[in-house]
């Protein structure tokens, strides 16, 4: 079965550039992300993006190149023999956006290709193709539809390889990669800029591994998501956010190699607040309770409280400074 572990992320400083979007950013409400969608999650093009007119639509090409180093690439518990490697990552991107009076159609491709100098088995080729339709019927009612196909990977030293020995890791030729397909829809009622908004949605898809298949085929599964969110503005500078989401995983092979049934249901209840301290400062705090219940009574259910806190300083019109503290759980 998949390993579940909690990762506490210490406070960190992030400097990034924030630019106004080319057109008014649609108030998109898409389904909660599932495994593999964290890396290749598309973002709307900003005002400085290179654009080419294609009829009534615009085409936005972009590419980024990143270089870095990791002194414990495979997350080995005994760091005395940890593998160190430099990494070069290429991320091409292409967005096609057509905007009408009430509807926006966004077709996007995003890649993420990693190459390691001293550990080729950690190389990966991730990419995501998605089409999103946003329809604003009026100032209160909106409908979002999304279809996506993504190729993603699980880094060696996580998930299935979490408890691998150094010798087992060295024997691997490649990371565990998988394809995720998803269809989702969300309907929004209300206007968050005035008072509040209620959103409800559902999604369904599948996760199918396509590398190291002798060992990974047992993790292929279907999933479904039902979720809702509530936004409510208490004052001009403060709003509260509440959420409820339920995910179901249904494995193609109902029983793992140890004979246990791994199908599960995960329920997450969250509450948070966003506070604008001034025109330059704002903060947000969210607390969520995540409960995973396995169909097999012999498996131990997971239950825990997660916290996410961030403070933002909009110190320039095109830049921000961010301080964050978060706790996350991964499947």
C-alpha atoms as a PDB file:
ATOM      1  CA  UNK A   1       0.000   0.000   0.000  1.00  0.00           C
ATOM      2  CA  UNK A   2       1.028   3.631  -0.296  1.00  0.00           C
ATOM      3  CA  UNK A   3       2.878   5.129   2.670  1.00  0.00           C
ATOM      4  CA  UNK A   4       1.341   8.077   4.484  1.00  0.00           C
ATOM      5  CA  UNK A   5       3.558  10.520   6.310  1.00  0.00           C
ATOM      6  CA  UNK A   6       3.417  14.033   7.624  1.00  0.00           C
ATOM      7  CA  UNK A   7       5.870  16.700   6.617  1.00  0.00           C
ATOM      8  CA  UNK A   8       6.297  19.811   8.771  1.00  0.00           C
ATOM      9  CA  UNK A   9       7.678  22.694   6.749  1.00  0.00           C
ATOM     10  CA  UNK A  10       9.608  25.302   8.789  1.00  0.00           C
ATOM     11  CA  UNK A  11       9.057  28.994   8.359  1.00  0.00           C
ATOM     12  CA  UNK A  12      10.575  30.323   5.182  1.00  0.00           C
ATOM     13  CA  UNK A  13      10.949  33.516   3.211  1.00  0.00           C
ATOM     14  CA  UNK A  14       9.877  33.674  -0.419  1.00  0.00           C
ATOM     15  CA  UNK A  15      10.430  36.558  -2.784  1.00  0.00           C
ATOM     16  CA  UNK A  16       8.429  36.452  -5.994  1.00  0.00           C
ATOM     17  CA  UNK A  17       7.186  38.787  -8.680  1.00  0.00           C
ATOM     18  CA  UNK A  18       3.446  39.325  -8.962  1.00  0.00           C
ATOM     19  CA  UNK A  19       2.112  41.052 -12.039  1.00  0.00           C
ATOM     20  CA  UNK A  20      -1.439  42.004 -13.048  1.00  0.00           C
ATOM     21  CA  UNK A  21      -2.991  39.601 -15.532  1.00  0.00           C
ATOM     22  CA  UNK A  22      -3.289  40.337 -19.234  1.00  0.00           C
ATOM     23  CA  UNK A  23      -7.097  40.311 -19.046  1.00  0.00           C
ATOM     24  CA  UNK A  24      -9.332  40.270 -15.999  1.00  0.00           C
ATOM     25  CA  UNK A  25      -8.574  37.014 -14.238  1.00  0.00           C
ATOM     26  CA  UNK A  26     -11.689  34.821 -14.267  1.00  0.00           C
ATOM     27  CA  UNK A  27     -12.999  33.831 -10.854  1.00  0.00           C
ATOM     28  CA  UNK A  28     -12.105  30.164 -11.388  1.00  0.00           C
ATOM     29  CA  UNK A  29     -13.236  27.556  -8.878  1.00  0.00           C
ATOM     30  CA  UNK A  30     -11.684  24.230  -9.832  1.00  0.00           C
ATOM     31  CA  UNK A  31     -11.741  20.914  -7.991  1.00  0.00           C
ATOM     32  CA  UNK A  32      -9.162  20.247  -5.242  1.00  0.00           C
ATOM     33  CA  UNK A  33      -5.875  18.929  -6.551  1.00  0.00           C
ATOM     34  CA  UNK A  34      -5.046  15.248  -6.403  1.00  0.00           C
ATOM     35  CA  UNK A  35      -1.719  13.421  -6.307  1.00  0.00           C
ATOM     36  CA  UNK A  36       0.707  14.655  -8.975  1.00  0.00           C
ATOM     37  CA  UNK A  37      -1.007  17.953  -9.736  1.00  0.00           C
ATOM     38  CA  UNK A  38       1.037  20.044  -7.329  1.00  0.00           C
ATOM     39  CA  UNK A  39       4.100  20.393  -9.590  1.00  0.00           C
ATOM     40  CA  UNK A  40       2.469  21.047 -12.935  1.00  0.00           C
ATOM     41  CA  UNK A  41      -0.389  23.294 -11.841  1.00  0.00           C
ATOM     42  CA  UNK A  42      -1.034  25.968 -14.517  1.00  0.00           C
ATOM     43  CA  UNK A  43      -1.173  29.677 -13.701  1.00  0.00           C
ATOM     44  CA  UNK A  44      -2.831  32.467 -15.675  1.00  0.00           C
ATOM     45  CA  UNK A  45      -0.416  34.502 -17.904  1.00  0.00           C
ATOM     46  CA  UNK A  46       0.601  37.899 -16.533  1.00  0.00           C
ATOM     47  CA  UNK A  47       0.600  41.276 -18.256  1.00  0.00           C
ATOM     48  CA  UNK A  48       4.249  41.017 -19.331  1.00  0.00           C
ATOM     49  CA  UNK A  49       3.777  37.651 -21.062  1.00  0.00           C
ATOM     50  CA  UNK A  50       4.584  37.508 -24.763  1.00  0.00           C
ATOM     51  CA  UNK A  51       1.299  37.152 -26.664  1.00  0.00           C
ATOM     52  CA  UNK A  52       0.391  36.436 -30.267  1.00  0.00           C
ATOM     53  CA  UNK A  53      -3.095  37.118 -31.571  1.00  0.00           C
ATOM     54  CA  UNK A  54      -4.779  34.074 -33.105  1.00  0.00           C
ATOM     55  CA  UNK A  55      -8.121  35.247 -34.407  1.00  0.00           C
ATOM     56  CA  UNK A  56     -10.144  36.471 -31.428  1.00  0.00           C
ATOM     57  CA  UNK A  57      -7.867  34.636 -28.984  1.00  0.00           C
ATOM     58  CA  UNK A  58      -4.286  34.998 -27.725  1.00  0.00           C
ATOM     59  CA  UNK A  59      -1.409  32.530 -27.643  1.00  0.00           C
ATOM     60  CA  UNK A  60       1.142  32.824 -24.800  1.00  0.00           C
ATOM     61  CA  UNK A  61       4.456  30.921 -25.131  1.00  0.00           C
ATOM     62  CA  UNK A  62       6.904  30.825 -22.214  1.00  0.00           C
ATOM     63  CA  UNK A  63       9.857  28.849 -20.897  1.00  0.00           C
ATOM     64  CA  UNK A  64      11.860  28.848 -17.670  1.00  0.00           C
ATOM     65  CA  UNK A  65      15.173  27.265 -16.694  1.00  0.00           C
ATOM     66  CA  UNK A  66      16.112  26.464 -13.090  1.00  0.00           C
ATOM     67  CA  UNK A  67      19.339  25.179 -11.560  1.00  0.00           C
ATOM     68  CA  UNK A  68      19.824  23.864  -8.026  1.00  0.00           C
ATOM     69  CA  UNK A  69      21.547  21.366  -5.758  1.00  0.00           C
ATOM     70  CA  UNK A  70      20.244  18.717  -3.336  1.00  0.00           C
ATOM     71  CA  UNK A  71      22.559  17.209  -0.709  1.00  0.00           C
ATOM     72  CA  UNK A  72      20.197  14.308   0.142  1.00  0.00           C
ATOM     73  CA  UNK A  73      18.475  13.592  -3.137  1.00  0.00           C
ATOM     74  CA  UNK A  74      16.800  10.321  -2.143  1.00  0.00           C
ATOM     75  CA  UNK A  75      15.728  11.438   1.356  1.00  0.00           C
ATOM     76  CA  UNK A  76      17.852   8.754   2.996  1.00  0.00           C
ATOM     77  CA  UNK A  77      17.408   8.514   6.767  1.00  0.00           C
ATOM     78  CA  UNK A  78      21.128   7.844   7.280  1.00  0.00           C
ATOM     79  CA  UNK A  79      22.607  10.921   5.666  1.00  0.00           C
ATOM     80  CA  UNK A  80      26.199   9.697   6.049  1.00  0.00           C
ATOM     81  CA  UNK A  81      26.027   8.168   2.560  1.00  0.00           C
ATOM     82  CA  UNK A  82      23.427  10.533   1.113  1.00  0.00           C
ATOM     83  CA  UNK A  83      23.530  11.219  -2.629  1.00  0.00           C
ATOM     84  CA  UNK A  84      24.268  14.802  -3.637  1.00  0.00           C
ATOM     85  CA  UNK A  85      23.459  16.055  -7.113  1.00  0.00           C
ATOM     86  CA  UNK A  86      22.919  19.232  -9.067  1.00  0.00           C
ATOM     87  CA  UNK A  87      19.668  19.492 -10.992  1.00  0.00           C
ATOM     88  CA  UNK A  88      18.724  21.377 -14.149  1.00  0.00           C
ATOM     89  CA  UNK A  89      15.006  21.830 -14.835  1.00  0.00           C
ATOM     90  CA  UNK A  90      13.384  23.038 -18.057  1.00  0.00           C
ATOM     91  CA  UNK A  91       9.746  24.153 -17.957  1.00  0.00           C
ATOM     92  CA  UNK A  92       8.091  24.999 -21.307  1.00  0.00           C
ATOM     93  CA  UNK A  93       4.601  26.430 -21.303  1.00  0.00           C
ATOM     94  CA  UNK A  94       1.951  27.316 -23.884  1.00  0.00           C
ATOM     95  CA  UNK A  95      -1.444  28.905 -23.177  1.00  0.00           C
ATOM     96  CA  UNK A  96      -4.264  29.574 -25.633  1.00  0.00           C
ATOM     97  CA  UNK A  97      -6.968  31.840 -24.182  1.00  0.00           C
ATOM     98  CA  UNK A  98     -10.178  32.975 -25.817  1.00  0.00           C
ATOM     99  CA  UNK A  99     -12.342  35.454 -23.905  1.00  0.00           C
ATOM    100  CA  UNK A 100     -15.898  36.465 -24.755  1.00  0.00           C
ATOM    101  CA  UNK A 101     -18.549  38.562 -23.045  1.00  0.00           C
ATOM    102  CA  UNK A 102     -19.532  35.793 -20.628  1.00  0.00           C
ATOM    103  CA  UNK A 103     -17.160  32.923 -21.292  1.00  0.00           C
ATOM    104  CA  UNK A 104     -13.432  32.216 -21.145  1.00  0.00           C
ATOM    105  CA  UNK A 105     -11.855  29.121 -22.678  1.00  0.00           C
ATOM    106  CA  UNK A 106      -8.291  28.333 -21.601  1.00  0.00           C
ATOM    107  CA  UNK A 107      -6.231  25.585 -23.199  1.00  0.00           C
ATOM    108  CA  UNK A 108      -2.871  25.115 -21.530  1.00  0.00           C
ATOM    109  CA  UNK A 109       0.246  22.972 -21.701  1.00  0.00           C
ATOM    110  CA  UNK A 110       2.874  22.977 -18.959  1.00  0.00           C
ATOM    111  CA  UNK A 111       6.021  20.848 -18.817  1.00  0.00           C
ATOM    112  CA  UNK A 112       8.578  20.183 -16.099  1.00  0.00           C
ATOM    113  CA  UNK A 113      11.671  18.211 -17.124  1.00  0.00           C
ATOM    114  CA  UNK A 114      14.382  17.493 -14.547  1.00  0.00           C
ATOM    115  CA  UNK A 115      17.940  16.300 -15.268  1.00  0.00           C
ATOM    116  CA  UNK A 116      20.400  15.313 -12.509  1.00  0.00           C
ATOM    117  CA  UNK A 117      24.153  15.396 -12.969  1.00  0.00           C
ATOM    118  CA  UNK A 118      25.037  12.536 -10.602  1.00  0.00           C
ATOM    119  CA  UNK A 119      21.839  10.468 -10.293  1.00  0.00           C
ATOM    120  CA  UNK A 120      20.169   9.746 -13.626  1.00  0.00           C
ATOM    121  CA  UNK A 121      17.586   7.456 -11.980  1.00  0.00           C
ATOM    122  CA  UNK A 122      16.057  10.572 -10.407  1.00  0.00           C
ATOM    123  CA  UNK A 123      15.430  12.265 -13.791  1.00  0.00           C
ATOM    124  CA  UNK A 124      11.808  12.921 -14.682  1.00  0.00           C
ATOM    125  CA  UNK A 125       9.597  14.273 -17.456  1.00  0.00           C
ATOM    126  CA  UNK A 126       6.358  15.775 -16.138  1.00  0.00           C
ATOM    127  CA  UNK A 127       3.753  17.576 -18.213  1.00  0.00           C
ATOM    128  CA  UNK A 128       0.109  18.569 -18.089  1.00  0.00           C
ATOM    129  CA  UNK A 129      -2.476  19.350 -20.771  1.00  0.00           C
ATOM    130  CA  UNK A 130      -5.706  20.960 -19.627  1.00  0.00           C
ATOM    131  CA  UNK A 131      -8.764  22.730 -21.005  1.00  0.00           C
ATOM    132  CA  UNK A 132     -10.837  24.968 -18.736  1.00  0.00           C
ATOM    133  CA  UNK A 133     -14.165  26.615 -19.519  1.00  0.00           C
ATOM    134  CA  UNK A 134     -15.402  29.483 -17.335  1.00  0.00           C
ATOM    135  CA  UNK A 135     -18.940  30.812 -17.872  1.00  0.00           C
ATOM    136  CA  UNK A 136     -20.315  33.795 -15.918  1.00  0.00           C
ATOM    137  CA  UNK A 137     -24.103  33.720 -16.381  1.00  0.00           C
ATOM    138  CA  UNK A 138     -24.464  36.925 -14.358  1.00  0.00           C
ATOM    139  CA  UNK A 139     -22.768  38.691 -11.420  1.00  0.00           C
ATOM    140  CA  UNK A 140     -23.785  35.886  -9.037  1.00  0.00           C
ATOM    141  CA  UNK A 141     -23.730  32.605 -10.960  1.00  0.00           C
ATOM    142  CA  UNK A 142     -20.688  30.956 -12.546  1.00  0.00           C
ATOM    143  CA  UNK A 143     -19.888  27.515 -13.956  1.00  0.00           C
ATOM    144  CA  UNK A 144     -16.369  26.088 -14.371  1.00  0.00           C
ATOM    145  CA  UNK A 145     -15.519  22.905 -16.285  1.00  0.00           C
ATOM    146  CA  UNK A 146     -12.092  21.286 -16.429  1.00  0.00           C
ATOM    147  CA  UNK A 147     -10.557  18.341 -18.249  1.00  0.00           C
ATOM    148  CA  UNK A 148      -6.887  17.452 -17.801  1.00  0.00           C
ATOM    149  CA  UNK A 149      -4.308  14.772 -18.524  1.00  0.00           C
ATOM    150  CA  UNK A 150      -1.005  14.877 -16.619  1.00  0.00           C
ATOM    151  CA  UNK A 151       2.210  12.860 -16.535  1.00  0.00           C
ATOM    152  CA  UNK A 152       3.803  13.079 -13.077  1.00  0.00           C
ATOM    153  CA  UNK A 153       6.386  11.339 -10.916  1.00  0.00           C
ATOM    154  CA  UNK A 154       7.071  10.334  -7.330  1.00  0.00           C
ATOM    155  CA  UNK A 155      10.605  11.230  -6.298  1.00  0.00           C
ATOM    156  CA  UNK A 156      12.803   8.353  -5.170  1.00  0.00           C
ATOM    157  CA  UNK A 157      12.815   8.364  -1.388  1.00  0.00           C
ATOM    158  CA  UNK A 158       9.075   9.105  -1.125  1.00  0.00           C
ATOM    159  CA  UNK A 159       5.859   7.084  -1.502  1.00  0.00           C
ATOM    160  CA  UNK A 160       6.626   3.458  -2.490  1.00  0.00           C
ATOM    161  CA  UNK A 161      10.382   3.969  -2.020  1.00  0.00           C
ATOM    162  CA  UNK A 162      10.026   5.708   1.366  1.00  0.00           C
ATOM    163  CA  UNK A 163      11.616   2.827   3.305  1.00  0.00           C
ATOM    164  CA  UNK A 164      14.029   1.654   0.614  1.00  0.00           C
ATOM    165  CA  UNK A 165      17.622   0.968   1.565  1.00  0.00           C
ATOM    166  CA  UNK A 166      20.492   2.781  -0.152  1.00  0.00           C
ATOM    167  CA  UNK A 167      21.266  -0.389  -2.151  1.00  0.00           C
ATOM    168  CA  UNK A 168      17.663  -0.684  -3.346  1.00  0.00           C
ATOM    169  CA  UNK A 169      17.630   2.953  -4.397  1.00  0.00           C
ATOM    170  CA  UNK A 170      20.897   2.593  -6.316  1.00  0.00           C
ATOM    171  CA  UNK A 171      19.407  -0.400  -8.172  1.00  0.00           C
ATOM    172  CA  UNK A 172      16.473   1.660  -9.510  1.00  0.00           C
ATOM    173  CA  UNK A 173      16.688   2.821 -13.113  1.00  0.00           C
ATOM    174  CA  UNK A 174      13.947   5.471 -12.991  1.00  0.00           C
ATOM    175  CA  UNK A 175      11.378   7.180 -10.809  1.00  0.00           C
ATOM    176  CA  UNK A 176       7.825   5.886 -10.449  1.00  0.00           C
ATOM    177  CA  UNK A 177       5.808   7.833 -13.011  1.00  0.00           C
ATOM    178  CA  UNK A 178       2.061   7.840 -13.579  1.00  0.00           C
ATOM    179  CA  UNK A 179      -0.669   9.411 -15.712  1.00  0.00           C
ATOM    180  CA  UNK A 180      -3.593  11.249 -14.125  1.00  0.00           C
ATOM    181  CA  UNK A 181      -6.819  11.939 -16.064  1.00  0.00           C
ATOM    182  CA  UNK A 182      -9.545  14.091 -14.544  1.00  0.00           C
ATOM    183  CA  UNK A 183     -12.911  15.667 -15.372  1.00  0.00           C
ATOM    184  CA  UNK A 184     -14.460  18.175 -12.967  1.00  0.00           C
ATOM    185  CA  UNK A 185     -17.182  20.795 -12.664  1.00  0.00           C
ATOM    186  CA  UNK A 186     -17.951  23.551 -10.158  1.00  0.00           C
ATOM    187  CA  UNK A 187     -20.910  25.905  -9.741  1.00  0.00           C
ATOM    188  CA  UNK A 188     -20.577  29.164  -7.808  1.00  0.00           C
ATOM    189  CA  UNK A 189     -23.367  31.322  -6.389  1.00  0.00           C
ATOM    190  CA  UNK A 190     -22.786  34.717  -4.850  1.00  0.00           C
ATOM    191  CA  UNK A 191     -20.260  37.518  -5.193  1.00  0.00           C
ATOM    192  CA  UNK A 192     -17.190  37.327  -2.910  1.00  0.00           C
ATOM    193  CA  UNK A 193     -16.172  40.918  -3.675  1.00  0.00           C
ATOM    194  CA  UNK A 194     -19.430  42.142  -2.080  1.00  0.00           C
ATOM    195  CA  UNK A 195     -20.476  39.728   0.667  1.00  0.00           C
ATOM    196  CA  UNK A 196     -20.101  35.999   0.139  1.00  0.00           C
ATOM    197  CA  UNK A 197     -20.055  33.020  -2.177  1.00  0.00           C
ATOM    198  CA  UNK A 198     -21.033  29.354  -1.970  1.00  0.00           C
ATOM    199  CA  UNK A 199     -19.311  26.880  -4.311  1.00  0.00           C
ATOM    200  CA  UNK A 200     -20.006  23.218  -4.939  1.00  0.00           C
ATOM    201  CA  UNK A 201     -18.250  20.806  -7.246  1.00  0.00           C
ATOM    202  CA  UNK A 202     -17.391  17.260  -8.172  1.00  0.00           C
ATOM    203  CA  UNK A 203     -14.681  15.507 -10.123  1.00  0.00           C
ATOM    204  CA  UNK A 204     -13.621  12.035 -11.187  1.00  0.00           C
ATOM    205  CA  UNK A 205     -10.589  10.466 -12.798  1.00  0.00           C
ATOM    206  CA  UNK A 206      -7.908   7.813 -12.693  1.00  0.00           C
ATOM    207  CA  UNK A 207      -4.248   7.346 -11.771  1.00  0.00           C
ATOM    208  CA  UNK A 208      -2.279   4.774 -13.796  1.00  0.00           C
ATOM    209  CA  UNK A 209       1.441   4.069 -13.301  1.00  0.00           C
ATOM    210  CA  UNK A 210       3.527   3.644 -16.457  1.00  0.00           C
ATOM    211  CA  UNK A 211       7.040   2.943 -15.133  1.00  0.00           C
ATOM    212  CA  UNK A 212       8.443   0.148 -12.966  1.00  0.00           C
ATOM    213  CA  UNK A 213       5.089  -1.499 -13.670  1.00  0.00           C
ATOM    214  CA  UNK A 214       5.955  -4.844 -12.097  1.00  0.00           C
ATOM    215  CA  UNK A 215       6.016  -3.073  -8.730  1.00  0.00           C
ATOM    216  CA  UNK A 216       3.665  -0.140  -9.350  1.00  0.00           C
ATOM    217  CA  UNK A 217       0.690  -1.668 -11.205  1.00  0.00           C
ATOM    218  CA  UNK A 218      -0.913  -2.500  -7.854  1.00  0.00           C
ATOM    219  CA  UNK A 219      -1.255   1.251  -7.151  1.00  0.00           C
ATOM    220  CA  UNK A 220      -3.434   2.043 -10.199  1.00  0.00           C
ATOM    221  CA  UNK A 221      -6.751   3.468  -8.992  1.00  0.00           C
ATOM    222  CA  UNK A 222      -9.811   5.537  -9.790  1.00  0.00           C
ATOM    223  CA  UNK A 223     -10.832   8.518  -7.675  1.00  0.00           C
ATOM    224  CA  UNK A 224     -13.787  10.816  -7.140  1.00  0.00           C
ATOM    225  CA  UNK A 225     -14.053  14.162  -5.362  1.00  0.00           C
ATOM    226  CA  UNK A 226     -17.104  15.950  -3.941  1.00  0.00           C
ATOM    227  CA  UNK A 227     -16.406  19.328  -2.365  1.00  0.00           C
ATOM    228  CA  UNK A 228     -17.829  22.669  -1.310  1.00  0.00           C
ATOM    229  CA  UNK A 229     -16.476  26.022  -0.157  1.00  0.00           C
ATOM    230  CA  UNK A 230     -18.006  29.025   1.554  1.00  0.00           C
ATOM    231  CA  UNK A 231     -16.521  32.521   1.412  1.00  0.00           C
ATOM    232  CA  UNK A 232     -18.011  35.255   3.630  1.00  0.00           C
ATOM    233  CA  UNK A 233     -16.831  38.824   4.073  1.00  0.00           C
ATOM    234  CA  UNK A 234     -17.115  39.920   7.718  1.00  0.00           C
ATOM    235  CA  UNK A 235     -15.782  43.402   7.063  1.00  0.00           C
ATOM    236  CA  UNK A 236     -14.124  45.309   4.216  1.00  0.00           C
ATOM    237  CA  UNK A 237     -10.753  43.899   5.319  1.00  0.00           C
ATOM    238  CA  UNK A 238     -11.634  40.440   6.637  1.00  0.00           C
ATOM    239  CA  UNK A 239     -13.296  37.345   5.237  1.00  0.00           C
ATOM    240  CA  UNK A 240     -13.694  33.794   6.478  1.00  0.00           C
ATOM    241  CA  UNK A 241     -13.390  30.651   4.397  1.00  0.00           C
ATOM    242  CA  UNK A 242     -14.843  27.214   5.117  1.00  0.00           C
ATOM    243  CA  UNK A 243     -14.469  24.007   3.168  1.00  0.00           C
ATOM    244  CA  UNK A 244     -15.598  20.393   3.023  1.00  0.00           C
ATOM    245  CA  UNK A 245     -14.132  17.800   0.661  1.00  0.00           C
ATOM    246  CA  UNK A 246     -14.443  14.046   0.344  1.00  0.00           C
ATOM    247  CA  UNK A 247     -12.141  11.920  -1.814  1.00  0.00           C
ATOM    248  CA  UNK A 248     -12.676   8.249  -2.618  1.00  0.00           C
ATOM    249  CA  UNK A 249      -9.958   5.944  -3.981  1.00  0.00           C
ATOM    250  CA  UNK A 250     -10.948   2.696  -5.662  1.00  0.00           C
ATOM    251  CA  UNK A 251      -7.946   0.507  -6.579  1.00  0.00           C
ATOM    252  CA  UNK A 252      -7.996  -1.537  -9.783  1.00  0.00           C
ATOM    253  CA  UNK A 253      -6.509  -4.394  -7.786  1.00  0.00           C
ATOM    254  CA  UNK A 254      -8.644  -4.298  -4.676  1.00  0.00           C
ATOM    255  CA  UNK A 255      -6.096  -6.199  -2.584  1.00  0.00           C
ATOM    256  CA  UNK A 256      -2.455  -5.298  -2.065  1.00  0.00           C
ATOM    257  CA  UNK A 257       0.352  -7.860  -2.137  1.00  0.00           C
ATOM    258  CA  UNK A 258      -0.131  -8.293   1.620  1.00  0.00           C
ATOM    259  CA  UNK A 259      -3.769  -9.308   1.056  1.00  0.00           C
ATOM    260  CA  UNK A 260      -5.327  -6.150   2.507  1.00  0.00           C
ATOM    261  CA  UNK A 261      -8.004  -4.041   0.831  1.00  0.00           C
ATOM    262  CA  UNK A 262      -6.741  -0.502   0.269  1.00  0.00           C
ATOM    263  CA  UNK A 263      -9.822   1.393  -0.946  1.00  0.00           C
ATOM    264  CA  UNK A 264     -10.378   4.438   1.257  1.00  0.00           C
ATOM    265  CA  UNK A 265     -12.390   7.596   1.823  1.00  0.00           C
ATOM    266  CA  UNK A 266     -10.714  10.809   2.957  1.00  0.00           C
ATOM    267  CA  UNK A 267     -12.779  13.636   4.451  1.00  0.00           C
ATOM    268  CA  UNK A 268     -11.282  17.092   5.000  1.00  0.00           C
ATOM    269  CA  UNK A 269     -12.995  19.901   6.913  1.00  0.00           C
ATOM    270  CA  UNK A 270     -11.267  23.275   6.912  1.00  0.00           C
ATOM    271  CA  UNK A 271     -11.795  26.793   8.232  1.00  0.00           C
ATOM    272  CA  UNK A 272      -9.715  29.893   7.751  1.00  0.00           C
ATOM    273  CA  UNK A 273      -9.569  33.650   7.797  1.00  0.00           C
ATOM    274  CA  UNK A 274      -7.980  36.190   5.436  1.00  0.00           C
ATOM    275  CA  UNK A 275      -7.156  39.560   7.003  1.00  0.00           C
ATOM    276  CA  UNK A 276      -5.992  42.683   5.167  1.00  0.00           C
ATOM    277  CA  UNK A 277      -3.806  44.473   7.693  1.00  0.00           C
ATOM    278  CA  UNK A 278      -3.247  47.460   5.389  1.00  0.00           C
ATOM    279  CA  UNK A 279      -3.006  48.178   1.688  1.00  0.00           C
ATOM    280  CA  UNK A 280       0.477  46.612   1.772  1.00  0.00           C
ATOM    281  CA  UNK A 281       0.063  43.766   4.288  1.00  0.00           C
ATOM    282  CA  UNK A 282      -2.345  40.855   4.537  1.00  0.00           C
ATOM    283  CA  UNK A 283      -2.311  37.472   6.217  1.00  0.00           C
ATOM    284  CA  UNK A 284      -4.196  34.208   6.099  1.00  0.00           C
ATOM    285  CA  UNK A 285      -4.614  31.331   8.534  1.00  0.00           C
ATOM    286  CA  UNK A 286      -6.273  27.980   7.823  1.00  0.00           C
ATOM    287  CA  UNK A 287      -6.855  24.926   9.999  1.00  0.00           C
ATOM    288  CA  UNK A 288      -8.116  21.650   8.599  1.00  0.00           C
ATOM    289  CA  UNK A 289      -8.958  18.226   9.951  1.00  0.00           C
ATOM    290  CA  UNK A 290      -8.152  15.344   7.610  1.00  0.00           C
ATOM    291  CA  UNK A 291      -9.566  11.875   8.240  1.00  0.00           C
ATOM    292  CA  UNK A 292      -8.810   8.844   6.059  1.00  0.00           C
ATOM    293  CA  UNK A 293     -10.899   5.714   6.556  1.00  0.00           C
ATOM    294  CA  UNK A 294      -9.849   2.436   4.940  1.00  0.00           C
ATOM    295  CA  UNK A 295     -12.417  -0.133   3.836  1.00  0.00           C
ATOM    296  CA  UNK A 296     -10.237  -2.806   5.426  1.00  0.00           C
ATOM    297  CA  UNK A 297     -10.666  -2.753   9.209  1.00  0.00           C
ATOM    298  CA  UNK A 298      -7.177  -4.259   9.595  1.00  0.00           C
ATOM    299  CA  UNK A 299      -5.593  -1.051   8.276  1.00  0.00           C
ATOM    300  CA  UNK A 300      -5.066   1.867  10.622  1.00  0.00           C
ATOM    301  CA  UNK A 301      -7.122   4.927   9.720  1.00  0.00           C
ATOM    302  CA  UNK A 302      -5.353   8.295   9.555  1.00  0.00           C
ATOM    303  CA  UNK A 303      -6.655  11.354  11.365  1.00  0.00           C
ATOM    304  CA  UNK A 304      -4.858  14.649  11.926  1.00  0.00           C
ATOM    305  CA  UNK A 305      -5.068  18.426  12.157  1.00  0.00           C
ATOM    306  CA  UNK A 306      -3.086  20.529   9.657  1.00  0.00           C
ATOM    307  CA  UNK A 307      -2.213  24.229   9.874  1.00  0.00           C
ATOM    308  CA  UNK A 308      -1.285  26.692   7.145  1.00  0.00           C
ATOM    309  CA  UNK A 309      -0.327  30.309   7.946  1.00  0.00           C
ATOM    310  CA  UNK A 310       1.025  32.978   5.590  1.00  0.00           C
ATOM    311  CA  UNK A 311       1.886  36.661   5.791  1.00  0.00           C
ATOM    312  CA  UNK A 312       2.245  38.762   2.618  1.00  0.00           C
ATOM    313  CA  UNK A 313       3.883  42.133   2.098  1.00  0.00           C
ATOM    314  CA  UNK A 314       3.028  43.845  -1.201  1.00  0.00           C
ATOM    315  CA  UNK A 315       6.081  46.034  -1.048  1.00  0.00           C
ATOM    316  CA  UNK A 316       5.955  46.980  -4.747  1.00  0.00           C
ATOM    317  CA  UNK A 317       3.119  47.071  -7.249  1.00  0.00           C
ATOM    318  CA  UNK A 318       4.769  44.189  -9.099  1.00  0.00           C
ATOM    319  CA  UNK A 319       6.415  42.245  -6.235  1.00  0.00           C
ATOM    320  CA  UNK A 320       5.582  40.686  -2.874  1.00  0.00           C
ATOM    321  CA  UNK A 321       7.396  39.212   0.108  1.00  0.00           C
ATOM    322  CA  UNK A 322       5.965  36.086   1.738  1.00  0.00           C
ATOM    323  CA  UNK A 323       6.522  34.418   5.121  1.00  0.00           C
ATOM    324  CA  UNK A 324       4.889  31.022   5.537  1.00  0.00           C
ATOM    325  CA  UNK A 325       4.508  28.104   7.908  1.00  0.00           C
ATOM    326  CA  UNK A 326       2.653  24.988   6.758  1.00  0.00           C
ATOM    327  CA  UNK A 327       2.028  21.378   7.625  1.00  0.00           C
ATOM    328  CA  UNK A 328       1.055  18.936   4.872  1.00  0.00           C
ATOM    329  CA  UNK A 329       0.252  15.281   4.361  1.00  0.00           C
ATOM    330  CA  UNK A 330       1.050  13.230   1.279  1.00  0.00           C
ATOM    331  CA  UNK A 331      -0.247   9.926   0.035  1.00  0.00           C
END
